[in-house]
């Protein structure tokens, strides 16, 4: 499973504004017209894909739920993230 947050280098609780700002910066950095590197087109597509999912409320919610269910990939890290997300939500209320 692709981790779109890691691709953009942002936290899972990033706001839409943070996602948009990071996307614009990375898209500009890796755009094939501006970057002659042979890796630029692939990185640009990954950044676009991440933005398409994370900028859409429904797609992001589905991605987040699927990401949380992937306890088998990295159970300790995923469990820590789930608890942190849960506790942050409780403490903000």
PDB file of N, CA and C in Angstrom:
ATOM      1  N   UNK A   1       0.835  -1.182   0.000  1.00  0.00           N
ATOM      2  CA  UNK A   1       0.000   0.000   0.000  1.00  0.00           C
ATOM      3  C   UNK A   1       0.880   1.246   0.000  1.00  0.00           C
ATOM      4  N   UNK A   2       0.539   2.195  -0.827  1.00  0.00           N
ATOM      5  CA  UNK A   2       1.282   3.445  -0.891  1.00  0.00           C
ATOM      6  C   UNK A   2       0.882   4.331   0.277  1.00  0.00           C
ATOM      7  N   UNK A   3       1.863   4.982   0.876  1.00  0.00           N
ATOM      8  CA  UNK A   3       1.579   5.926   1.955  1.00  0.00           C
ATOM      9  C   UNK A   3       1.661   7.328   1.371  1.00  0.00           C
ATOM     10  N   UNK A   4       0.509   7.886   1.063  1.00  0.00           N
ATOM     11  CA  UNK A   4       0.465   9.190   0.416  1.00  0.00           C
ATOM     12  C   UNK A   4       1.004  10.298   1.313  1.00  0.00           C
ATOM     13  N   UNK A   5       0.872  10.140   2.608  1.00  0.00           N
ATOM     14  CA  UNK A   5       1.429  11.141   3.524  1.00  0.00           C
ATOM     15  C   UNK A   5       2.956  11.141   3.429  1.00  0.00           C
ATOM     16  N   UNK A   6       3.533   9.958   3.361  1.00  0.00           N
ATOM     17  CA  UNK A   6       4.991   9.853   3.248  1.00  0.00           C
ATOM     18  C   UNK A   6       5.474  10.399   1.906  1.00  0.00           C
ATOM     19  N   UNK A   7       4.722  10.152   0.849  1.00  0.00           N
ATOM     20  CA  UNK A   7       5.100  10.659  -0.471  1.00  0.00           C
ATOM     21  C   UNK A   7       5.186  12.184  -0.450  1.00  0.00           C
ATOM     22  N   UNK A   8       4.213  12.823   0.210  1.00  0.00           N
ATOM     23  CA  UNK A   8       4.228  14.281   0.291  1.00  0.00           C
ATOM     24  C   UNK A   8       5.066  14.796   1.455  1.00  0.00           C
ATOM     25  N   UNK A   9       5.465  13.894   2.354  1.00  0.00           N
ATOM     26  CA  UNK A   9       6.280  14.301   3.491  1.00  0.00           C
ATOM     27  C   UNK A   9       5.517  15.136   4.507  1.00  0.00           C
ATOM     28  N   UNK A  10       4.246  14.777   4.722  1.00  0.00           N
ATOM     29  CA  UNK A  10       3.407  15.520   5.669  1.00  0.00           C
ATOM     30  C   UNK A  10       2.851  14.575   6.724  1.00  0.00           C
ATOM     31  N   UNK A  11       2.351  15.145   7.800  1.00  0.00           N
ATOM     32  CA  UNK A  11       1.740  14.356   8.877  1.00  0.00           C
ATOM     33  C   UNK A  11       0.341  13.926   8.470  1.00  0.00           C
ATOM     34  N   UNK A  12      -0.123  12.850   9.086  1.00  0.00           N
ATOM     35  CA  UNK A  12      -1.451  12.320   8.777  1.00  0.00           C
ATOM     36  C   UNK A  12      -2.570  13.284   9.172  1.00  0.00           C
ATOM     37  N   UNK A  13      -2.282  14.211  10.052  1.00  0.00           N
ATOM     38  CA  UNK A  13      -3.313  15.164  10.461  1.00  0.00           C
ATOM     39  C   UNK A  13      -3.145  16.524   9.767  1.00  0.00           C
ATOM     40  N   UNK A  14      -2.460  16.543   8.653  1.00  0.00           N
ATOM     41  CA  UNK A  14      -2.231  17.787   7.904  1.00  0.00           C
ATOM     42  C   UNK A  14      -3.556  18.357   7.412  1.00  0.00           C
ATOM     43  N   UNK A  15      -3.624  19.675   7.409  1.00  0.00           N
ATOM     44  CA  UNK A  15      -4.827  20.341   6.915  1.00  0.00           C
ATOM     45  C   UNK A  15      -4.824  20.342   5.383  1.00  0.00           C
ATOM     46  N   UNK A  16      -5.970  20.657   4.823  1.00  0.00           N
ATOM     47  CA  UNK A  16      -6.067  20.734   3.365  1.00  0.00           C
ATOM     48  C   UNK A  16      -5.131  21.809   2.824  1.00  0.00           C
ATOM     49  N   UNK A  17      -4.998  22.903   3.542  1.00  0.00           N
ATOM     50  CA  UNK A  17      -4.087  23.980   3.113  1.00  0.00           C
ATOM     51  C   UNK A  17      -2.641  23.491   3.097  1.00  0.00           C
ATOM     52  N   UNK A  18      -2.249  22.719   4.108  1.00  0.00           N
ATOM     53  CA  UNK A  18      -0.890  22.171   4.155  1.00  0.00           C
ATOM     54  C   UNK A  18      -0.654  21.188   3.010  1.00  0.00           C
ATOM     55  N   UNK A  19      -1.659  20.372   2.732  1.00  0.00           N
ATOM     56  CA  UNK A  19      -1.567  19.406   1.642  1.00  0.00           C
ATOM     57  C   UNK A  19      -1.387  20.141   0.313  1.00  0.00           C
ATOM     58  N   UNK A  20      -2.198  21.165   0.103  1.00  0.00           N
ATOM     59  CA  UNK A  20      -2.151  21.922  -1.146  1.00  0.00           C
ATOM     60  C   UNK A  20      -0.803  22.627  -1.318  1.00  0.00           C
ATOM     61  N   UNK A  21      -0.315  23.250  -0.253  1.00  0.00           N
ATOM     62  CA  UNK A  21       0.965  23.955  -0.319  1.00  0.00           C
ATOM     63  C   UNK A  21       2.106  22.994  -0.629  1.00  0.00           C
ATOM     64  N   UNK A  22       2.123  21.866   0.063  1.00  0.00           N
ATOM     65  CA  UNK A  22       3.171  20.872  -0.163  1.00  0.00           C
ATOM     66  C   UNK A  22       3.088  20.304  -1.576  1.00  0.00           C
ATOM     67  N   UNK A  23       1.870  20.026  -2.030  1.00  0.00           N
ATOM     68  CA  UNK A  23       1.684  19.505  -3.383  1.00  0.00           C
ATOM     69  C   UNK A  23       2.233  20.484  -4.421  1.00  0.00           C
ATOM     70  N   UNK A  24       1.875  21.732  -4.304  1.00  0.00           N
ATOM     71  CA  UNK A  24       2.328  22.725  -5.293  1.00  0.00           C
ATOM     72  C   UNK A  24       3.848  22.823  -5.335  1.00  0.00           C
ATOM     73  N   UNK A  25       4.447  22.796  -4.159  1.00  0.00           N
ATOM     74  CA  UNK A  25       5.909  22.876  -4.081  1.00  0.00           C
ATOM     75  C   UNK A  25       6.549  21.652  -4.746  1.00  0.00           C
ATOM     76  N   UNK A  26       6.052  20.459  -4.412  1.00  0.00           N
ATOM     77  CA  UNK A  26       6.640  19.234  -4.956  1.00  0.00           C
ATOM     78  C   UNK A  26       6.330  19.063  -6.441  1.00  0.00           C
ATOM     79  N   UNK A  27       5.130  19.447  -6.852  1.00  0.00           N
ATOM     80  CA  UNK A  27       4.770  19.341  -8.266  1.00  0.00           C
ATOM     81  C   UNK A  27       5.674  20.237  -9.099  1.00  0.00           C
ATOM     82  N   UNK A  28       5.958  21.415  -8.592  1.00  0.00           N
ATOM     83  CA  UNK A  28       6.859  22.322  -9.288  1.00  0.00           C
ATOM     84  C   UNK A  28       8.281  21.755  -9.336  1.00  0.00           C
ATOM     85  N   UNK A  29       8.683  21.159  -8.221  1.00  0.00           N
ATOM     86  CA  UNK A  29      10.029  20.588  -8.128  1.00  0.00           C
ATOM     87  C   UNK A  29      10.230  19.423  -9.091  1.00  0.00           C
ATOM     88  N   UNK A  30       9.228  18.560  -9.227  1.00  0.00           N
ATOM     89  CA  UNK A  30       9.377  17.344 -10.030  1.00  0.00           C
ATOM     90  C   UNK A  30       8.719  17.407 -11.405  1.00  0.00           C
ATOM     91  N   UNK A  31       8.140  18.550 -11.771  1.00  0.00           N
ATOM     92  CA  UNK A  31       7.486  18.637 -13.072  1.00  0.00           C
ATOM     93  C   UNK A  31       8.528  18.377 -14.164  1.00  0.00           C
ATOM     94  N   UNK A  32       8.220  17.470 -15.088  1.00  0.00           N
ATOM     95  CA  UNK A  32       9.186  17.115 -16.149  1.00  0.00           C
ATOM     96  C   UNK A  32       9.670  18.299 -16.986  1.00  0.00           C
ATOM     97  N   UNK A  33       8.865  19.345 -17.094  1.00  0.00           N
ATOM     98  CA  UNK A  33       9.300  20.527 -17.848  1.00  0.00           C
ATOM     99  C   UNK A  33      10.351  21.339 -17.098  1.00  0.00           C
ATOM    100  N   UNK A  34      10.410  21.162 -15.781  1.00  0.00           N
ATOM    101  CA  UNK A  34      11.346  21.935 -14.957  1.00  0.00           C
ATOM    102  C   UNK A  34      12.488  21.094 -14.406  1.00  0.00           C
ATOM    103  N   UNK A  35      12.339  19.768 -14.459  1.00  0.00           N
ATOM    104  CA  UNK A  35      13.336  18.874 -13.878  1.00  0.00           C
ATOM    105  C   UNK A  35      13.754  17.859 -14.938  1.00  0.00           C
ATOM    106  N   UNK A  36      15.003  17.891 -15.319  1.00  0.00           N
ATOM    107  CA  UNK A  36      15.506  17.019 -16.389  1.00  0.00           C
ATOM    108  C   UNK A  36      15.864  15.614 -15.897  1.00  0.00           C
ATOM    109  N   UNK A  37      15.768  15.372 -14.607  1.00  0.00           N
ATOM    110  CA  UNK A  37      16.108  14.062 -14.053  1.00  0.00           C
ATOM    111  C   UNK A  37      15.216  12.976 -14.656  1.00  0.00           C
ATOM    112  N   UNK A  38      15.791  11.800 -14.848  1.00  0.00           N
ATOM    113  CA  UNK A  38      15.011  10.690 -15.399  1.00  0.00           C
ATOM    114  C   UNK A  38      13.968  10.184 -14.391  1.00  0.00           C
ATOM    115  N   UNK A  39      14.168  10.510 -13.121  1.00  0.00           N
ATOM    116  CA  UNK A  39      13.221  10.078 -12.080  1.00  0.00           C
ATOM    117  C   UNK A  39      12.074  11.072 -11.892  1.00  0.00           C
ATOM    118  N   UNK A  40      12.192  12.255 -12.425  1.00  0.00           N
ATOM    119  CA  UNK A  40      11.206  13.317 -12.214  1.00  0.00           C
ATOM    120  C   UNK A  40       9.787  12.933 -12.648  1.00  0.00           C
ATOM    121  N   UNK A  41       9.575  12.357 -13.830  1.00  0.00           N
ATOM    122  CA  UNK A  41       8.203  12.034 -14.229  1.00  0.00           C
ATOM    123  C   UNK A  41       7.513  11.052 -13.274  1.00  0.00           C
ATOM    124  N   UNK A  42       8.242  10.042 -12.816  1.00  0.00           N
ATOM    125  CA  UNK A  42       7.652   9.065 -11.892  1.00  0.00           C
ATOM    126  C   UNK A  42       7.325   9.714 -10.555  1.00  0.00           C
ATOM    127  N   UNK A  43       8.229  10.545 -10.056  1.00  0.00           N
ATOM    128  CA  UNK A  43       7.976  11.237  -8.791  1.00  0.00           C
ATOM    129  C   UNK A  43       6.809  12.210  -8.937  1.00  0.00           C
ATOM    130  N   UNK A  44       6.744  12.882 -10.074  1.00  0.00           N
ATOM    131  CA  UNK A  44       5.656  13.818 -10.334  1.00  0.00           C
ATOM    132  C   UNK A  44       4.306  13.088 -10.319  1.00  0.00           C
ATOM    133  N   UNK A  45       4.241  11.921 -10.949  1.00  0.00           N
ATOM    134  CA  UNK A  45       2.994  11.139 -10.961  1.00  0.00           C
ATOM    135  C   UNK A  45       2.603  10.694  -9.551  1.00  0.00           C
ATOM    136  N   UNK A  46       3.596  10.282  -8.742  1.00  0.00           N
ATOM    137  CA  UNK A  46       3.307   9.876  -7.360  1.00  0.00           C
ATOM    138  C   UNK A  46       2.757  11.042  -6.549  1.00  0.00           C
ATOM    139  N   UNK A  47       3.343  12.208  -6.722  1.00  0.00           N
ATOM    140  CA  UNK A  47       2.882  13.399  -6.012  1.00  0.00           C
ATOM    141  C   UNK A  47       1.459  13.749  -6.449  1.00  0.00           C
ATOM    142  N   UNK A  48       1.189  13.664  -7.735  1.00  0.00           N
ATOM    143  CA  UNK A  48      -0.161  13.931  -8.241  1.00  0.00           C
ATOM    144  C   UNK A  48      -1.172  12.952  -7.653  1.00  0.00           C
ATOM    145  N   UNK A  49      -0.826  11.678  -7.653  1.00  0.00           N
ATOM    146  CA  UNK A  49      -1.721  10.644  -7.122  1.00  0.00           C
ATOM    147  C   UNK A  49      -2.001  10.891  -5.638  1.00  0.00           C
ATOM    148  N   UNK A  50      -0.967  11.205  -4.881  1.00  0.00           N
ATOM    149  CA  UNK A  50      -1.136  11.473  -3.454  1.00  0.00           C
ATOM    150  C   UNK A  50      -2.068  12.664  -3.242  1.00  0.00           C
ATOM    151  N   UNK A  51      -1.877  13.699  -4.026  1.00  0.00           N
ATOM    152  CA  UNK A  51      -2.716  14.893  -3.886  1.00  0.00           C
ATOM    153  C   UNK A  51      -4.169  14.596  -4.255  1.00  0.00           C
ATOM    154  N   UNK A  52      -4.372  13.840  -5.314  1.00  0.00           N
ATOM    155  CA  UNK A  52      -5.738  13.491  -5.730  1.00  0.00           C
ATOM    156  C   UNK A  52      -6.498  12.785  -4.615  1.00  0.00           C
ATOM    157  N   UNK A  53      -5.830  11.923  -3.883  1.00  0.00           N
ATOM    158  CA  UNK A  53      -6.492  11.187  -2.797  1.00  0.00           C
ATOM    159  C   UNK A  53      -6.651  12.064  -1.560  1.00  0.00           C
ATOM    160  N   UNK A  54      -5.584  12.721  -1.145  1.00  0.00           N
ATOM    161  CA  UNK A  54      -5.619  13.459   0.120  1.00  0.00           C
ATOM    162  C   UNK A  54      -6.402  14.760   0.049  1.00  0.00           C
ATOM    163  N   UNK A  55      -6.595  15.319  -1.134  1.00  0.00           N
ATOM    164  CA  UNK A  55      -7.346  16.566  -1.248  1.00  0.00           C
ATOM    165  C   UNK A  55      -8.845  16.333  -1.356  1.00  0.00           C
ATOM    166  N   UNK A  56      -9.264  15.109  -1.577  1.00  0.00           N
ATOM    167  CA  UNK A  56     -10.678  14.760  -1.666  1.00  0.00           C
ATOM    168  C   UNK A  56     -11.116  14.166  -0.323  1.00  0.00           C
ATOM    169  N   UNK A  57     -12.100  14.762   0.316  1.00  0.00           N
ATOM    170  CA  UNK A  57     -12.508  14.358   1.665  1.00  0.00           C
ATOM    171  C   UNK A  57     -12.879  12.878   1.733  1.00  0.00           C
ATOM    172  N   UNK A  58     -13.686  12.413   0.800  1.00  0.00           N
ATOM    173  CA  UNK A  58     -14.127  11.012   0.829  1.00  0.00           C
ATOM    174  C   UNK A  58     -12.984  10.038   0.549  1.00  0.00           C
ATOM    175  N   UNK A  59     -12.169  10.365  -0.449  1.00  0.00           N
ATOM    176  CA  UNK A  59     -11.034   9.496  -0.778  1.00  0.00           C
ATOM    177  C   UNK A  59     -10.033   9.455   0.371  1.00  0.00           C
ATOM    178  N   UNK A  60      -9.823  10.607   1.020  1.00  0.00           N
ATOM    179  CA  UNK A  60      -8.879  10.655   2.140  1.00  0.00           C
ATOM    180  C   UNK A  60      -9.391   9.834   3.317  1.00  0.00           C
ATOM    181  N   UNK A  61     -10.678   9.925   3.584  1.00  0.00           N
ATOM    182  CA  UNK A  61     -11.259   9.155   4.684  1.00  0.00           C
ATOM    183  C   UNK A  61     -11.098   7.649   4.422  1.00  0.00           C
ATOM    184  N   UNK A  62     -11.390   7.218   3.202  1.00  0.00           N
ATOM    185  CA  UNK A  62     -11.241   5.800   2.852  1.00  0.00           C
ATOM    186  C   UNK A  62      -9.774   5.379   2.944  1.00  0.00           C
ATOM    187  N   UNK A  63      -8.869   6.230   2.481  1.00  0.00           N
ATOM    188  CA  UNK A  63      -7.443   5.922   2.553  1.00  0.00           C
ATOM    189  C   UNK A  63      -6.990   5.799   4.007  1.00  0.00           C
ATOM    190  N   UNK A  64      -7.415   6.754   4.846  1.00  0.00           N
ATOM    191  CA  UNK A  64      -7.032   6.727   6.261  1.00  0.00           C
ATOM    192  C   UNK A  64      -7.526   5.459   6.953  1.00  0.00           C
ATOM    193  N   UNK A  65      -8.755   5.057   6.662  1.00  0.00           N
ATOM    194  CA  UNK A  65      -9.295   3.841   7.281  1.00  0.00           C
ATOM    195  C   UNK A  65      -8.536   2.608   6.808  1.00  0.00           C
ATOM    196  N   UNK A  66      -8.233   2.542   5.537  1.00  0.00           N
ATOM    197  CA  UNK A  66      -7.468   1.419   4.993  1.00  0.00           C
ATOM    198  C   UNK A  66      -6.059   1.406   5.576  1.00  0.00           C
ATOM    199  N   UNK A  67      -5.489   2.575   5.739  1.00  0.00           N
ATOM    200  CA  UNK A  67      -4.136   2.707   6.305  1.00  0.00           C
ATOM    201  C   UNK A  67      -4.097   2.226   7.753  1.00  0.00           C
ATOM    202  N   UNK A  68      -5.124   2.577   8.499  1.00  0.00           N
ATOM    203  CA  UNK A  68      -5.171   2.152   9.900  1.00  0.00           C
ATOM    204  C   UNK A  68      -5.351   0.643  10.031  1.00  0.00           C
ATOM    205  N   UNK A  69      -6.043   0.054   9.071  1.00  0.00           N
ATOM    206  CA  UNK A  69      -6.268  -1.394   9.115  1.00  0.00           C
ATOM    207  C   UNK A  69      -5.030  -2.194   8.747  1.00  0.00           C
ATOM    208  N   UNK A  70      -4.022  -1.540   8.242  1.00  0.00           N
ATOM    209  CA  UNK A  70      -2.829  -2.255   7.801  1.00  0.00           C
ATOM    210  C   UNK A  70      -1.870  -2.514   8.960  1.00  0.00           C
ATOM    211  N   UNK A  71      -2.390  -2.980  10.044  1.00  0.00           N
ATOM    212  CA  UNK A  71      -1.579  -3.284  11.225  1.00  0.00           C
ATOM    213  C   UNK A  71      -0.523  -4.346  10.946  1.00  0.00           C
ATOM    214  N   UNK A  72      -0.742  -5.165   9.962  1.00  0.00           N
ATOM    215  CA  UNK A  72       0.189  -6.257   9.698  1.00  0.00           C
ATOM    216  C   UNK A  72       1.524  -5.770   9.129  1.00  0.00           C
ATOM    217  N   UNK A  73       1.521  -4.659   8.431  1.00  0.00           N
ATOM    218  CA  UNK A  73       2.753  -4.146   7.841  1.00  0.00           C
ATOM    219  C   UNK A  73       3.743  -3.671   8.908  1.00  0.00           C
ATOM    220  N   UNK A  74       3.256  -2.906   9.831  1.00  0.00           N
ATOM    221  CA  UNK A  74       4.104  -2.357  10.886  1.00  0.00           C
ATOM    222  C   UNK A  74       3.235  -2.170  12.132  1.00  0.00           C
ATOM    223  N   UNK A  75       2.976  -3.265  12.845  1.00  0.00           N
ATOM    224  CA  UNK A  75       1.985  -3.199  13.925  1.00  0.00           C
ATOM    225  C   UNK A  75       2.302  -2.200  15.029  1.00  0.00           C
ATOM    226  N   UNK A  76       3.535  -2.101  15.449  1.00  0.00           N
ATOM    227  CA  UNK A  76       3.862  -1.194  16.545  1.00  0.00           C
ATOM    228  C   UNK A  76       3.712   0.260  16.109  1.00  0.00           C
ATOM    229  N   UNK A  77       4.252   0.587  14.932  1.00  0.00           N
ATOM    230  CA  UNK A  77       4.134   1.961  14.439  1.00  0.00           C
ATOM    231  C   UNK A  77       2.680   2.331  14.162  1.00  0.00           C
ATOM    232  N   UNK A  78       1.939   1.414  13.550  1.00  0.00           N
ATOM    233  CA  UNK A  78       0.547   1.688  13.234  1.00  0.00           C
ATOM    234  C   UNK A  78      -0.288   1.829  14.496  1.00  0.00           C
ATOM    235  N   UNK A  79      -0.058   0.960  15.474  1.00  0.00           N
ATOM    236  CA  UNK A  79      -0.788   1.049  16.742  1.00  0.00           C
ATOM    237  C   UNK A  79      -0.477   2.375  17.439  1.00  0.00           C
ATOM    238  N   UNK A  80       0.786   2.772  17.411  1.00  0.00           N
ATOM    239  CA  UNK A  80       1.166   4.052  18.019  1.00  0.00           C
ATOM    240  C   UNK A  80       0.439   5.206  17.327  1.00  0.00           C
ATOM    241  N   UNK A  81       0.383   5.166  16.014  1.00  0.00           N
ATOM    242  CA  UNK A  81      -0.290   6.221  15.260  1.00  0.00           C
ATOM    243  C   UNK A  81      -1.783   6.260  15.579  1.00  0.00           C
ATOM    244  N   UNK A  82      -2.398   5.100  15.653  1.00  0.00           N
ATOM    245  CA  UNK A  82      -3.832   5.038  15.959  1.00  0.00           C
ATOM    246  C   UNK A  82      -4.107   5.642  17.331  1.00  0.00           C
ATOM    247  N   UNK A  83      -3.343   5.229  18.324  1.00  0.00           N
ATOM    248  CA  UNK A  83      -3.550   5.744  19.674  1.00  0.00           C
ATOM    249  C   UNK A  83      -3.273   7.239  19.739  1.00  0.00           C
ATOM    250  N   UNK A  84      -2.246   7.699  19.056  1.00  0.00           N
ATOM    251  CA  UNK A  84      -1.933   9.127  19.066  1.00  0.00           C
ATOM    252  C   UNK A  84      -3.072   9.908  18.438  1.00  0.00           C
ATOM    253  N   UNK A  85      -3.579   9.432  17.311  1.00  0.00           N
ATOM    254  CA  UNK A  85      -4.690  10.080  16.622  1.00  0.00           C
ATOM    255  C   UNK A  85      -5.920  10.100  17.520  1.00  0.00           C
ATOM    256  N   UNK A  86      -6.182   8.971  18.172  1.00  0.00           N
ATOM    257  CA  UNK A  86      -7.337   8.849  19.064  1.00  0.00           C
ATOM    258  C   UNK A  86      -7.217   9.802  20.251  1.00  0.00           C
ATOM    259  N   UNK A  87      -6.056   9.796  20.902  1.00  0.00           N
ATOM    260  CA  UNK A  87      -5.862  10.645  22.072  1.00  0.00           C
ATOM    261  C   UNK A  87      -5.871  12.131  21.705  1.00  0.00           C
ATOM    262  N   UNK A  88      -5.304  12.464  20.565  1.00  0.00           N
ATOM    263  CA  UNK A  88      -5.352  13.869  20.128  1.00  0.00           C
ATOM    264  C   UNK A  88      -6.795  14.323  19.932  1.00  0.00           C
ATOM    265  N   UNK A  89      -7.615  13.445  19.391  1.00  0.00           N
ATOM    266  CA  UNK A  89      -9.040  13.767  19.184  1.00  0.00           C
ATOM    267  C   UNK A  89      -9.772  13.967  20.493  1.00  0.00           C
ATOM    268  N   UNK A  90      -9.462  13.140  21.486  1.00  0.00           N
ATOM    269  CA  UNK A  90     -10.111  13.263  22.789  1.00  0.00           C
ATOM    270  C   UNK A  90      -9.655  14.531  23.501  1.00  0.00           C
ATOM    271  N   UNK A  91      -8.371  14.805  23.454  1.00  0.00           N
ATOM    272  CA  UNK A  91      -7.825  15.956  24.172  1.00  0.00           C
ATOM    273  C   UNK A  91      -8.270  17.286  23.568  1.00  0.00           C
ATOM    274  N   UNK A  92      -8.623  17.275  22.290  1.00  0.00           N
ATOM    275  CA  UNK A  92      -9.054  18.518  21.633  1.00  0.00           C
ATOM    276  C   UNK A  92     -10.517  18.852  21.955  1.00  0.00           C
ATOM    277  N   UNK A  93     -11.267  17.887  22.441  1.00  0.00           N
ATOM    278  CA  UNK A  93     -12.695  18.115  22.729  1.00  0.00           C
ATOM    279  C   UNK A  93     -12.886  18.868  24.000  1.00  0.00           C
TER     280      UNK A  93
END
